[in-house]
Structures are given as structure tokens and as C-alpha cells.
Amino acid sequence: MGDTKQTKTIGEHYAAAELARRGWAPAFTRDGLERTDILAVRTGSERRMIEIQVKTTLTSGWKWANWPLGEKTQGPSASEREYFVMVAALNDLTTPPRFFILPRSHVAAAAWISHQHWLTEPGIPAGKRNASVAHSRVNLRTFERYENRWDLIDTDEGNCPVLLPPEYRSYALGSRVGLPAAHPWRTNLPTW
């Protein structure tokens, strides 16, 4: 499917349906609120409200699934209740989509680390890779431990476990890759 607006709509509706199944009342923002596609309120006595940005990829196979995550994605969280739902769907329409649920700071770290590692990977000739961080892409394997972790949206960002690949922590600590300038983990890198 080549229409990016249609792909975005598909992912948002899948995510909203999953939220509703789990006791949330989702409302689409319809491009009126930057960084937030869905506002959702927990139904029942606890009225927790969350902001969700949905990123969708349609692919012919899971091993090719990846999401473009540009500079805006890598900015710091504005609140402890900002999350991403990464939706991966196959073009064949017979396989159900896969969902990866992450706090915003985890996505920001993953996008930066993935790109900087790719850009500065040892053994690659100088000048061979030169795309800016605005062209960061993160593959499904990076997010696989967040699959179906809908429970994370019940937890404020600072209390969510980091489930990125273990080597990403080493990359974040090193000078070759590091973390974005405004990322909160620069001063307090969690253990994972």
C-alpha cells in the first residue's frame, strides 16, 4: 500500500480497537495535536489519561518491518504519560497485526541509538553512510520485547522497564553512539 495517510489511518484504528478492548476510551485527535494521535482515558474508577502516537508499517514480511522515526520522535517527553504504539501489519491481510507499546523516551533512545550505530558502525568505509538522524529507521527486532506490552500504559514512563536490546545500553554509554542531547537517560541511564 503506497498511500501513507491510509497506512496511518489503518494503524490508528487498530490501536484504538486494542485500547478499547483493554478498558480504555480512545479518542482520535485528527492531526490537531502534535505528537498525539489518540487520547485515551481508563474507564472505571481510575481516570488515568494517556497520549499515544501511532507509527505503522505495512510490509511483505516480518524481517523487513521497520519504522521511520525522525527528529521529532527523538525529542524528550512532555509528560510521564506519552506512549507509542508501533503497529506492524503484513500486506497479505490474513495475518493479524503486531503491536509494540513503548514510552516515548524508549522510542527516542532506540531511534537515536539505531541510527548512530548504523552511521558509525566499525568496518564501514568513511562516507558510505551519511543520512542524517532525521532519516532514522528502527527495525522490529529492536522493539520485540515490547510486543503486546499493553500493561506499560498503566505505568508512568519513569517506572517502565527498559526492554531494548541489551547491546543498546552499551551503545548508549559509549562515545561512538551515545544518546540525544536532551534525553533524560544522559544523566541517569537505567539498567536493562
N, C-alpha and C. Protein backbone atom coordinates (compact mmCIF):
# COMPACT_ATOMS: atom_id res chain seq x y z
N MET A 1 0.85 -1.18 0.00
CA MET A 1 0.00 0.00 0.00
C MET A 1 0.89 1.24 0.00
N GLY A 2 0.75 2.10 -0.99
CA GLY A 2 1.61 3.25 -1.13
C GLY A 2 1.11 4.51 -0.46
N ASP A 3 -0.14 4.60 -0.09
CA ASP A 3 -0.72 5.81 0.49
C ASP A 3 -0.39 5.91 1.97
N THR A 4 0.49 6.85 2.34
CA THR A 4 0.92 6.94 3.74
C THR A 4 -0.20 7.38 4.67
N LYS A 5 -1.12 8.22 4.19
CA LYS A 5 -2.27 8.63 5.02
C LYS A 5 -3.13 7.42 5.34
N GLN A 6 -3.33 6.56 4.36
CA GLN A 6 -4.14 5.36 4.57
C GLN A 6 -3.44 4.41 5.54
N THR A 7 -2.14 4.27 5.40
CA THR A 7 -1.37 3.42 6.32
C THR A 7 -1.50 3.95 7.74
N LYS A 8 -1.38 5.26 7.92
CA LYS A 8 -1.52 5.90 9.23
C LYS A 8 -2.90 5.62 9.82
N THR A 9 -3.93 5.76 9.00
CA THR A 9 -5.31 5.51 9.45
C THR A 9 -5.49 4.06 9.88
N ILE A 10 -4.94 3.14 9.12
CA ILE A 10 -5.04 1.71 9.46
C ILE A 10 -4.46 1.45 10.85
N GLY A 11 -3.25 1.93 11.09
CA GLY A 11 -2.60 1.72 12.38
C GLY A 11 -3.35 2.37 13.53
N GLU A 12 -3.83 3.58 13.33
CA GLU A 12 -4.55 4.28 14.40
C GLU A 12 -5.82 3.53 14.78
N HIS A 13 -6.53 3.02 13.80
CA HIS A 13 -7.77 2.29 14.11
C HIS A 13 -7.49 0.94 14.78
N TYR A 14 -6.46 0.26 14.33
CA TYR A 14 -6.06 -0.97 15.02
C TYR A 14 -5.72 -0.68 16.48
N ALA A 15 -4.92 0.36 16.71
CA ALA A 15 -4.51 0.71 18.08
C ALA A 15 -5.71 1.11 18.93
N ALA A 16 -6.60 1.91 18.37
CA ALA A 16 -7.80 2.33 19.13
C ALA A 16 -8.66 1.13 19.50
N ALA A 17 -8.80 0.19 18.60
CA ALA A 17 -9.59 -1.01 18.88
C ALA A 17 -8.97 -1.81 20.02
N GLU A 18 -7.65 -1.95 20.00
CA GLU A 18 -6.96 -2.69 21.06
C GLU A 18 -7.09 -1.97 22.40
N LEU A 19 -7.00 -0.66 22.39
CA LEU A 19 -7.18 0.11 23.63
C LEU A 19 -8.59 -0.11 24.19
N ALA A 20 -9.59 -0.02 23.33
CA ALA A 20 -10.98 -0.21 23.77
C ALA A 20 -11.18 -1.61 24.35
N ARG A 21 -10.57 -2.61 23.74
CA ARG A 21 -10.67 -3.98 24.25
C ARG A 21 -10.10 -4.11 25.65
N ARG A 22 -9.18 -3.21 26.00
CA ARG A 22 -8.48 -3.28 27.28
C ARG A 22 -8.99 -2.26 28.30
N GLY A 23 -10.20 -1.72 28.08
CA GLY A 23 -10.82 -0.85 29.06
C GLY A 23 -10.44 0.62 28.98
N TRP A 24 -10.00 1.06 27.82
CA TRP A 24 -9.68 2.46 27.59
C TRP A 24 -10.72 3.05 26.64
N ALA A 25 -11.03 4.32 26.82
CA ALA A 25 -11.90 5.05 25.89
C ALA A 25 -11.01 5.92 25.01
N PRO A 26 -10.73 5.48 23.77
CA PRO A 26 -9.83 6.23 22.91
C PRO A 26 -10.56 7.30 22.10
N ALA A 27 -9.88 8.40 21.86
CA ALA A 27 -10.41 9.47 21.00
C ALA A 27 -9.31 9.91 20.05
N PHE A 28 -9.61 9.96 18.76
CA PHE A 28 -8.64 10.39 17.77
C PHE A 28 -8.48 11.91 17.82
N THR A 29 -7.26 12.37 17.64
CA THR A 29 -7.03 13.81 17.65
C THR A 29 -7.13 14.42 16.25
N ARG A 30 -7.14 13.60 15.23
CA ARG A 30 -7.27 14.05 13.84
C ARG A 30 -6.30 15.15 13.45
N ASP A 31 -5.05 14.89 13.64
CA ASP A 31 -3.96 15.77 13.22
C ASP A 31 -3.99 17.15 13.88
N GLY A 32 -4.80 17.32 14.89
CA GLY A 32 -4.89 18.62 15.54
C GLY A 32 -3.95 18.79 16.71
N LEU A 33 -3.31 17.73 17.13
CA LEU A 33 -2.43 17.79 18.30
C LEU A 33 -1.11 17.12 17.95
N GLU A 34 -0.05 17.92 17.94
CA GLU A 34 1.26 17.39 17.57
C GLU A 34 1.69 16.29 18.55
N ARG A 35 2.28 15.23 18.02
CA ARG A 35 2.83 14.10 18.78
C ARG A 35 1.78 13.19 19.39
N THR A 36 0.51 13.45 19.19
CA THR A 36 -0.53 12.62 19.78
C THR A 36 -1.59 12.31 18.74
N ASP A 37 -1.79 11.02 18.46
CA ASP A 37 -2.83 10.58 17.54
C ASP A 37 -4.09 10.16 18.28
N ILE A 38 -3.90 9.64 19.50
CA ILE A 38 -5.02 9.15 20.30
C ILE A 38 -4.86 9.64 21.73
N LEU A 39 -5.92 10.19 22.27
CA LEU A 39 -6.01 10.45 23.71
C LEU A 39 -6.91 9.36 24.25
N ALA A 40 -6.53 8.76 25.36
CA ALA A 40 -7.34 7.68 25.92
C ALA A 40 -7.47 7.85 27.43
N VAL A 41 -8.65 7.52 27.92
CA VAL A 41 -8.94 7.58 29.35
C VAL A 41 -9.34 6.19 29.80
N ARG A 42 -8.77 5.76 30.91
CA ARG A 42 -9.11 4.47 31.50
C ARG A 42 -10.55 4.56 32.03
N THR A 43 -11.39 3.65 31.62
CA THR A 43 -12.76 3.63 32.11
C THR A 43 -12.78 3.05 33.52
N GLY A 44 -13.81 3.33 34.26
CA GLY A 44 -13.91 2.84 35.63
C GLY A 44 -13.54 3.92 36.62
N SER A 45 -13.19 3.51 37.83
CA SER A 45 -12.95 4.47 38.90
C SER A 45 -11.63 5.24 38.73
N GLU A 46 -10.60 4.58 38.18
CA GLU A 46 -9.34 5.30 37.97
C GLU A 46 -9.41 5.99 36.61
N ARG A 47 -9.30 7.30 36.58
CA ARG A 47 -9.46 8.06 35.34
C ARG A 47 -8.11 8.45 34.75
N ARG A 48 -7.23 7.50 34.61
CA ARG A 48 -5.90 7.77 34.04
C ARG A 48 -6.06 8.16 32.56
N MET A 49 -5.40 9.24 32.17
CA MET A 49 -5.41 9.67 30.78
C MET A 49 -4.00 9.54 30.20
N ILE A 50 -3.92 9.06 28.95
CA ILE A 50 -2.64 8.88 28.27
C ILE A 50 -2.69 9.48 26.87
N GLU A 51 -1.50 9.79 26.35
CA GLU A 51 -1.34 10.28 24.99
C GLU A 51 -0.58 9.22 24.20
N ILE A 52 -1.10 8.91 23.02
CA ILE A 52 -0.47 7.86 22.21
C ILE A 52 -0.19 8.38 20.81
N GLN A 53 1.04 8.15 20.37
CA GLN A 53 1.38 8.38 18.98
C GLN A 53 1.52 7.02 18.34
N VAL A 54 0.88 6.84 17.19
CA VAL A 54 0.88 5.56 16.49
C VAL A 54 1.80 5.66 15.28
N LYS A 55 2.66 4.66 15.13
CA LYS A 55 3.50 4.54 13.95
C LYS A 55 3.20 3.19 13.33
N THR A 56 2.93 3.17 12.03
CA THR A 56 2.51 1.95 11.36
C THR A 56 3.43 1.63 10.20
N THR A 57 3.75 0.35 10.07
CA THR A 57 4.47 -0.12 8.90
C THR A 57 3.68 -1.27 8.29
N LEU A 58 3.54 -1.23 6.98
CA LEU A 58 2.95 -2.33 6.23
C LEU A 58 4.09 -2.97 5.47
N THR A 59 4.20 -4.29 5.55
CA THR A 59 5.35 -4.97 4.99
C THR A 59 4.96 -6.31 4.40
N SER A 60 5.83 -6.85 3.57
CA SER A 60 5.58 -8.17 2.98
C SER A 60 6.11 -9.29 3.86
N GLY A 61 6.88 -8.97 4.90
CA GLY A 61 7.40 -9.99 5.81
C GLY A 61 7.94 -9.35 7.07
N TRP A 62 7.87 -10.08 8.19
CA TRP A 62 8.28 -9.51 9.47
C TRP A 62 9.74 -9.08 9.49
N LYS A 63 10.61 -9.81 8.79
CA LYS A 63 12.03 -9.46 8.87
C LYS A 63 12.34 -8.12 8.20
N TRP A 64 11.42 -7.60 7.39
CA TRP A 64 11.61 -6.30 6.74
C TRP A 64 10.89 -5.17 7.47
N ALA A 65 10.15 -5.50 8.50
CA ALA A 65 9.37 -4.47 9.19
C ALA A 65 10.29 -3.48 9.90
N ASN A 66 10.08 -2.21 9.61
CA ASN A 66 10.80 -1.15 10.31
C ASN A 66 9.98 0.14 10.23
N TRP A 67 10.29 1.04 11.13
CA TRP A 67 9.56 2.30 11.22
C TRP A 67 10.52 3.47 11.02
N PRO A 68 10.17 4.44 10.15
CA PRO A 68 10.96 5.67 10.08
C PRO A 68 10.65 6.52 11.31
N LEU A 69 11.66 6.91 12.04
CA LEU A 69 11.48 7.69 13.28
C LEU A 69 12.42 8.89 13.24
N GLY A 70 11.92 9.99 12.74
CA GLY A 70 12.72 11.19 12.54
C GLY A 70 13.01 11.97 13.81
N GLU A 71 13.50 13.17 13.62
CA GLU A 71 13.96 14.01 14.73
C GLU A 71 12.87 14.32 15.75
N LYS A 72 11.65 14.57 15.31
CA LYS A 72 10.57 14.88 16.25
C LYS A 72 10.31 13.72 17.21
N THR A 73 10.47 12.53 16.71
CA THR A 73 10.29 11.33 17.53
C THR A 73 11.35 11.24 18.62
N GLN A 74 12.50 11.83 18.38
CA GLN A 74 13.63 11.71 19.29
C GLN A 74 13.67 12.81 20.35
N GLY A 75 12.67 13.67 20.36
CA GLY A 75 12.61 14.73 21.36
C GLY A 75 12.20 14.19 22.72
N PRO A 76 12.44 14.96 23.77
CA PRO A 76 12.09 14.50 25.12
C PRO A 76 10.58 14.44 25.33
N SER A 77 10.17 13.63 26.28
CA SER A 77 8.76 13.51 26.64
C SER A 77 8.28 14.81 27.27
N ALA A 78 7.04 15.15 27.00
CA ALA A 78 6.43 16.34 27.61
C ALA A 78 5.70 15.96 28.90
N SER A 79 5.45 14.65 29.08
CA SER A 79 4.79 14.18 30.29
C SER A 79 5.19 12.73 30.53
N GLU A 80 4.85 12.22 31.69
CA GLU A 80 5.15 10.82 32.05
C GLU A 80 4.15 9.85 31.41
N ARG A 81 3.19 10.37 30.64
CA ARG A 81 2.14 9.52 30.10
C ARG A 81 2.06 9.60 28.58
N GLU A 82 3.21 9.73 27.95
CA GLU A 82 3.29 9.72 26.48
C GLU A 82 3.84 8.37 26.04
N TYR A 83 3.12 7.74 25.14
CA TYR A 83 3.49 6.40 24.68
C TYR A 83 3.42 6.33 23.16
N PHE A 84 4.10 5.35 22.63
CA PHE A 84 3.98 4.99 21.22
C PHE A 84 3.35 3.62 21.14
N VAL A 85 2.51 3.42 20.14
CA VAL A 85 2.07 2.09 19.74
C VAL A 85 2.60 1.92 18.33
N MET A 86 3.55 1.01 18.20
CA MET A 86 4.13 0.69 16.90
C MET A 86 3.31 -0.48 16.35
N VAL A 87 2.73 -0.29 15.18
CA VAL A 87 1.89 -1.31 14.56
C VAL A 87 2.63 -1.86 13.34
N ALA A 88 2.74 -3.18 13.29
CA ALA A 88 3.33 -3.84 12.12
C ALA A 88 2.26 -4.75 11.53
N ALA A 89 1.97 -4.53 10.27
CA ALA A 89 0.95 -5.33 9.60
C ALA A 89 1.51 -5.85 8.28
N LEU A 90 1.11 -7.06 7.95
CA LEU A 90 1.53 -7.64 6.67
C LEU A 90 0.56 -7.23 5.58
N ASN A 91 1.08 -7.10 4.38
CA ASN A 91 0.24 -6.74 3.24
C ASN A 91 -0.78 -7.81 2.88
N ASP A 92 -0.59 -9.05 3.32
CA ASP A 92 -1.46 -10.15 2.89
C ASP A 92 -2.86 -10.13 3.51
N LEU A 93 -3.10 -9.35 4.53
CA LEU A 93 -4.40 -9.16 5.18
C LEU A 93 -4.95 -10.38 5.91
N THR A 94 -4.25 -11.51 5.88
CA THR A 94 -4.74 -12.70 6.58
C THR A 94 -4.08 -12.87 7.95
N THR A 95 -2.98 -12.18 8.16
CA THR A 95 -2.24 -12.29 9.42
C THR A 95 -2.58 -11.09 10.29
N PRO A 96 -2.91 -11.31 11.56
CA PRO A 96 -3.22 -10.16 12.43
C PRO A 96 -2.01 -9.26 12.62
N PRO A 97 -2.24 -7.97 12.85
CA PRO A 97 -1.12 -7.06 13.08
C PRO A 97 -0.43 -7.35 14.40
N ARG A 98 0.78 -6.84 14.52
CA ARG A 98 1.54 -6.96 15.77
C ARG A 98 1.66 -5.57 16.38
N PHE A 99 1.64 -5.51 17.72
CA PHE A 99 1.68 -4.25 18.44
C PHE A 99 2.86 -4.22 19.40
N PHE A 100 3.54 -3.08 19.43
CA PHE A 100 4.68 -2.87 20.31
C PHE A 100 4.42 -1.56 21.06
N ILE A 101 4.37 -1.62 22.38
CA ILE A 101 3.97 -0.48 23.19
C ILE A 101 5.17 0.00 23.99
N LEU A 102 5.53 1.29 23.78
CA LEU A 102 6.73 1.85 24.41
C LEU A 102 6.47 3.25 24.93
N PRO A 103 7.08 3.61 26.05
CA PRO A 103 7.10 5.00 26.47
C PRO A 103 7.91 5.82 25.46
N ARG A 104 7.58 7.10 25.34
CA ARG A 104 8.25 7.97 24.37
C ARG A 104 9.77 7.98 24.53
N SER A 105 10.27 8.05 25.76
CA SER A 105 11.73 8.13 25.94
C SER A 105 12.43 6.87 25.44
N HIS A 106 11.78 5.74 25.48
CA HIS A 106 12.37 4.49 24.99
C HIS A 106 12.47 4.53 23.46
N VAL A 107 11.43 5.07 22.81
CA VAL A 107 11.46 5.20 21.35
C VAL A 107 12.53 6.19 20.93
N ALA A 108 12.63 7.31 21.65
CA ALA A 108 13.64 8.32 21.33
C ALA A 108 15.05 7.73 21.42
N ALA A 109 15.29 6.97 22.47
CA ALA A 109 16.60 6.34 22.64
C ALA A 109 16.86 5.32 21.53
N ALA A 110 15.86 4.50 21.22
CA ALA A 110 16.02 3.48 20.19
C ALA A 110 16.30 4.09 18.83
N ALA A 111 15.58 5.16 18.49
CA ALA A 111 15.77 5.81 17.18
C ALA A 111 17.18 6.39 17.07
N TRP A 112 17.63 7.06 18.11
CA TRP A 112 18.96 7.66 18.10
C TRP A 112 20.04 6.57 18.05
N ILE A 113 19.94 5.61 18.95
CA ILE A 113 20.96 4.57 19.05
C ILE A 113 21.04 3.77 17.75
N SER A 114 19.88 3.37 17.20
CA SER A 114 19.87 2.61 15.95
C SER A 114 20.57 3.39 14.84
N HIS A 115 20.22 4.67 14.73
CA HIS A 115 20.80 5.47 13.64
C HIS A 115 22.30 5.70 13.84
N GLN A 116 22.68 6.11 15.04
CA GLN A 116 24.10 6.42 15.28
C GLN A 116 24.97 5.17 15.16
N HIS A 117 24.45 4.03 15.60
CA HIS A 117 25.21 2.78 15.44
C HIS A 117 25.39 2.46 13.95
N TRP A 118 24.30 2.57 13.20
CA TRP A 118 24.36 2.33 11.75
C TRP A 118 25.33 3.30 11.09
N LEU A 119 25.27 4.58 11.46
CA LEU A 119 26.07 5.62 10.85
C LEU A 119 27.57 5.44 11.11
N THR A 120 27.90 4.99 12.31
CA THR A 120 29.31 4.92 12.73
C THR A 120 29.82 3.49 12.90
N GLU A 121 29.09 2.53 12.36
CA GLU A 121 29.45 1.12 12.54
C GLU A 121 30.88 0.84 12.07
N PRO A 122 31.69 0.23 12.92
CA PRO A 122 33.07 -0.09 12.54
C PRO A 122 33.09 -0.99 11.30
N GLY A 123 34.07 -0.74 10.44
CA GLY A 123 34.23 -1.56 9.24
C GLY A 123 33.53 -1.01 8.01
N ILE A 124 32.73 0.01 8.16
CA ILE A 124 32.04 0.61 7.02
C ILE A 124 32.92 1.76 6.50
N PRO A 125 33.22 1.78 5.22
CA PRO A 125 34.08 2.84 4.68
C PRO A 125 33.53 4.23 4.95
N ALA A 126 34.42 5.17 5.24
CA ALA A 126 34.03 6.55 5.51
C ALA A 126 33.25 7.12 4.33
N GLY A 127 32.18 7.84 4.61
CA GLY A 127 31.36 8.47 3.58
C GLY A 127 30.33 7.55 2.96
N LYS A 128 30.38 6.26 3.27
CA LYS A 128 29.44 5.30 2.69
C LYS A 128 28.03 5.52 3.25
N ARG A 129 27.95 5.83 4.53
CA ARG A 129 26.67 6.10 5.18
C ARG A 129 26.68 7.55 5.66
N ASN A 130 25.72 8.33 5.20
CA ASN A 130 25.74 9.74 5.58
C ASN A 130 24.35 10.33 5.82
N ALA A 131 23.33 9.53 5.93
CA ALA A 131 21.98 10.04 6.18
C ALA A 131 21.92 10.68 7.57
N SER A 132 21.17 11.76 7.67
CA SER A 132 21.05 12.45 8.95
C SER A 132 20.13 11.67 9.89
N VAL A 133 20.14 12.04 11.15
CA VAL A 133 19.31 11.39 12.16
C VAL A 133 17.83 11.56 11.85
N ALA A 134 17.48 12.54 11.02
CA ALA A 134 16.09 12.72 10.61
C ALA A 134 15.59 11.53 9.79
N HIS A 135 16.52 10.70 9.30
CA HIS A 135 16.16 9.54 8.49
C HIS A 135 16.35 8.22 9.24
N SER A 136 16.30 8.28 10.54
CA SER A 136 16.46 7.08 11.37
C SER A 136 15.35 6.07 11.06
N ARG A 137 15.71 4.81 11.05
CA ARG A 137 14.75 3.71 10.90
C ARG A 137 15.06 2.68 11.97
N VAL A 138 14.01 2.17 12.60
CA VAL A 138 14.20 1.17 13.65
C VAL A 138 13.46 -0.09 13.24
N ASN A 139 14.17 -1.23 13.31
CA ASN A 139 13.56 -2.48 12.88
C ASN A 139 12.78 -3.16 14.01
N LEU A 140 11.96 -4.10 13.62
CA LEU A 140 11.09 -4.81 14.55
C LEU A 140 11.88 -5.50 15.66
N ARG A 141 13.04 -6.05 15.36
CA ARG A 141 13.82 -6.76 16.38
C ARG A 141 14.16 -5.85 17.56
N THR A 142 14.39 -4.58 17.30
CA THR A 142 14.71 -3.64 18.37
C THR A 142 13.57 -3.52 19.38
N PHE A 143 12.34 -3.64 18.90
CA PHE A 143 11.16 -3.46 19.76
C PHE A 143 10.52 -4.77 20.20
N GLU A 144 11.05 -5.91 19.81
CA GLU A 144 10.35 -7.18 20.02
C GLU A 144 10.00 -7.48 21.48
N ARG A 145 10.77 -7.02 22.43
CA ARG A 145 10.45 -7.29 23.84
C ARG A 145 9.31 -6.41 24.35
N TYR A 146 8.88 -5.43 23.56
CA TYR A 146 7.74 -4.58 23.89
C TYR A 146 6.44 -5.10 23.26
N GLU A 147 6.52 -6.21 22.57
CA GLU A 147 5.33 -6.71 21.88
C GLU A 147 4.22 -7.04 22.87
N ASN A 148 3.05 -6.49 22.57
CA ASN A 148 1.84 -6.69 23.38
C ASN A 148 2.01 -6.29 24.85
N ARG A 149 2.89 -5.37 25.12
CA ARG A 149 3.09 -4.89 26.50
C ARG A 149 2.14 -3.74 26.80
N TRP A 150 0.83 -4.01 26.64
CA TRP A 150 -0.20 -3.02 26.92
C TRP A 150 -0.19 -2.61 28.38
N ASP A 151 0.36 -3.46 29.24
CA ASP A 151 0.45 -3.12 30.66
C ASP A 151 1.30 -1.89 30.92
N LEU A 152 2.21 -1.57 30.01
CA LEU A 152 3.10 -0.43 30.22
C LEU A 152 2.34 0.90 30.23
N ILE A 153 1.20 0.97 29.57
CA ILE A 153 0.46 2.24 29.55
C ILE A 153 -0.22 2.53 30.89
N ASP A 154 -0.20 1.56 31.79
CA ASP A 154 -0.72 1.78 33.15
C ASP A 154 0.37 2.28 34.09
N THR A 155 1.58 2.47 33.56
CA THR A 155 2.74 2.85 34.36
C THR A 155 3.33 4.13 33.81
N ASP A 156 3.64 5.08 34.67
CA ASP A 156 4.30 6.29 34.22
C ASP A 156 5.66 5.94 33.62
N GLU A 157 6.07 6.74 32.64
CA GLU A 157 7.28 6.47 31.86
C GLU A 157 8.50 6.14 32.72
N GLY A 158 8.74 6.92 33.75
CA GLY A 158 9.93 6.73 34.58
C GLY A 158 9.96 5.41 35.33
N ASN A 159 8.81 4.74 35.43
CA ASN A 159 8.73 3.46 36.14
C ASN A 159 8.64 2.25 35.20
N CYS A 160 8.63 2.50 33.89
CA CYS A 160 8.54 1.40 32.93
C CYS A 160 9.89 0.71 32.77
N PRO A 161 9.90 -0.61 32.72
CA PRO A 161 11.17 -1.30 32.48
C PRO A 161 11.66 -1.02 31.07
N VAL A 162 12.97 -0.91 30.91
CA VAL A 162 13.56 -0.73 29.59
C VAL A 162 13.75 -2.12 28.99
N LEU A 163 13.17 -2.35 27.82
CA LEU A 163 13.19 -3.65 27.18
C LEU A 163 13.91 -3.62 25.83
N LEU A 164 14.71 -2.59 25.62
CA LEU A 164 15.50 -2.52 24.39
C LEU A 164 16.56 -3.62 24.41
N PRO A 165 17.14 -3.95 23.26
CA PRO A 165 18.18 -4.98 23.25
C PRO A 165 19.32 -4.61 24.21
N PRO A 166 19.89 -5.59 24.90
CA PRO A 166 20.95 -5.32 25.88
C PRO A 166 22.12 -4.52 25.32
N GLU A 167 22.50 -4.77 24.07
CA GLU A 167 23.64 -4.06 23.49
C GLU A 167 23.38 -2.56 23.34
N TYR A 168 22.10 -2.16 23.31
CA TYR A 168 21.78 -0.74 23.19
C TYR A 168 22.25 0.05 24.42
N ARG A 169 22.28 -0.60 25.57
CA ARG A 169 22.77 0.09 26.77
C ARG A 169 24.26 0.38 26.62
N SER A 170 25.00 -0.57 26.11
CA SER A 170 26.44 -0.36 25.86
C SER A 170 26.65 0.74 24.84
N TYR A 171 25.84 0.74 23.78
CA TYR A 171 25.95 1.79 22.77
C TYR A 171 25.65 3.16 23.38
N ALA A 172 24.64 3.22 24.25
CA ALA A 172 24.27 4.49 24.88
C ALA A 172 25.38 5.03 25.77
N LEU A 173 26.11 4.13 26.39
CA LEU A 173 27.21 4.54 27.26
C LEU A 173 28.46 4.98 26.50
N GLY A 174 28.61 4.52 25.28
CA GLY A 174 29.83 4.79 24.51
C GLY A 174 29.80 6.12 23.78
N SER A 175 30.96 6.65 23.50
CA SER A 175 31.06 7.95 22.81
C SER A 175 30.73 7.84 21.32
N ARG A 176 30.85 6.65 20.74
CA ARG A 176 30.56 6.48 19.31
C ARG A 176 29.09 6.66 19.01
N VAL A 177 28.20 6.27 19.94
CA VAL A 177 26.76 6.31 19.71
C VAL A 177 26.09 7.29 20.68
N GLY A 178 26.11 7.01 21.96
CA GLY A 178 25.54 7.91 22.96
C GLY A 178 24.03 8.03 22.89
N LEU A 179 23.52 9.17 23.35
CA LEU A 179 22.08 9.47 23.40
C LEU A 179 21.85 10.90 22.92
N PRO A 180 20.62 11.23 22.50
CA PRO A 180 20.35 12.62 22.08
C PRO A 180 20.61 13.60 23.21
N ALA A 181 20.94 14.82 22.86
CA ALA A 181 21.34 15.85 23.84
C ALA A 181 20.33 16.05 24.96
N ALA A 182 19.05 16.06 24.69
CA ALA A 182 18.05 16.37 25.72
C ALA A 182 17.45 15.12 26.37
N HIS A 183 17.98 13.95 26.05
CA HIS A 183 17.39 12.72 26.58
C HIS A 183 17.67 12.57 28.07
N PRO A 184 16.64 12.23 28.88
CA PRO A 184 16.82 12.12 30.33
C PRO A 184 17.80 11.03 30.75
N TRP A 185 18.02 10.04 29.94
CA TRP A 185 18.94 8.96 30.30
C TRP A 185 20.41 9.40 30.24
N ARG A 186 20.68 10.56 29.67
CA ARG A 186 22.08 11.05 29.65
C ARG A 186 22.60 11.29 31.06
N THR A 187 21.70 11.65 31.97
CA THR A 187 22.12 11.90 33.37
C THR A 187 21.81 10.73 34.29
N ASN A 188 20.90 9.86 33.88
CA ASN A 188 20.52 8.73 34.73
C ASN A 188 20.12 7.55 33.86
N LEU A 189 21.11 6.83 33.34
CA LEU A 189 20.85 5.71 32.45
C LEU A 189 20.32 4.52 33.26
N PRO A 190 19.09 4.06 32.95
CA PRO A 190 18.56 2.91 33.69
C PRO A 190 19.30 1.62 33.33
N THR A 191 19.13 0.64 34.17
CA THR A 191 19.70 -0.68 33.91
C THR A 191 18.69 -1.49 33.13
N TRP A 192 19.18 -2.24 32.15
CA TRP A 192 18.33 -3.21 31.44
C TRP A 192 19.18 -4.31 30.89
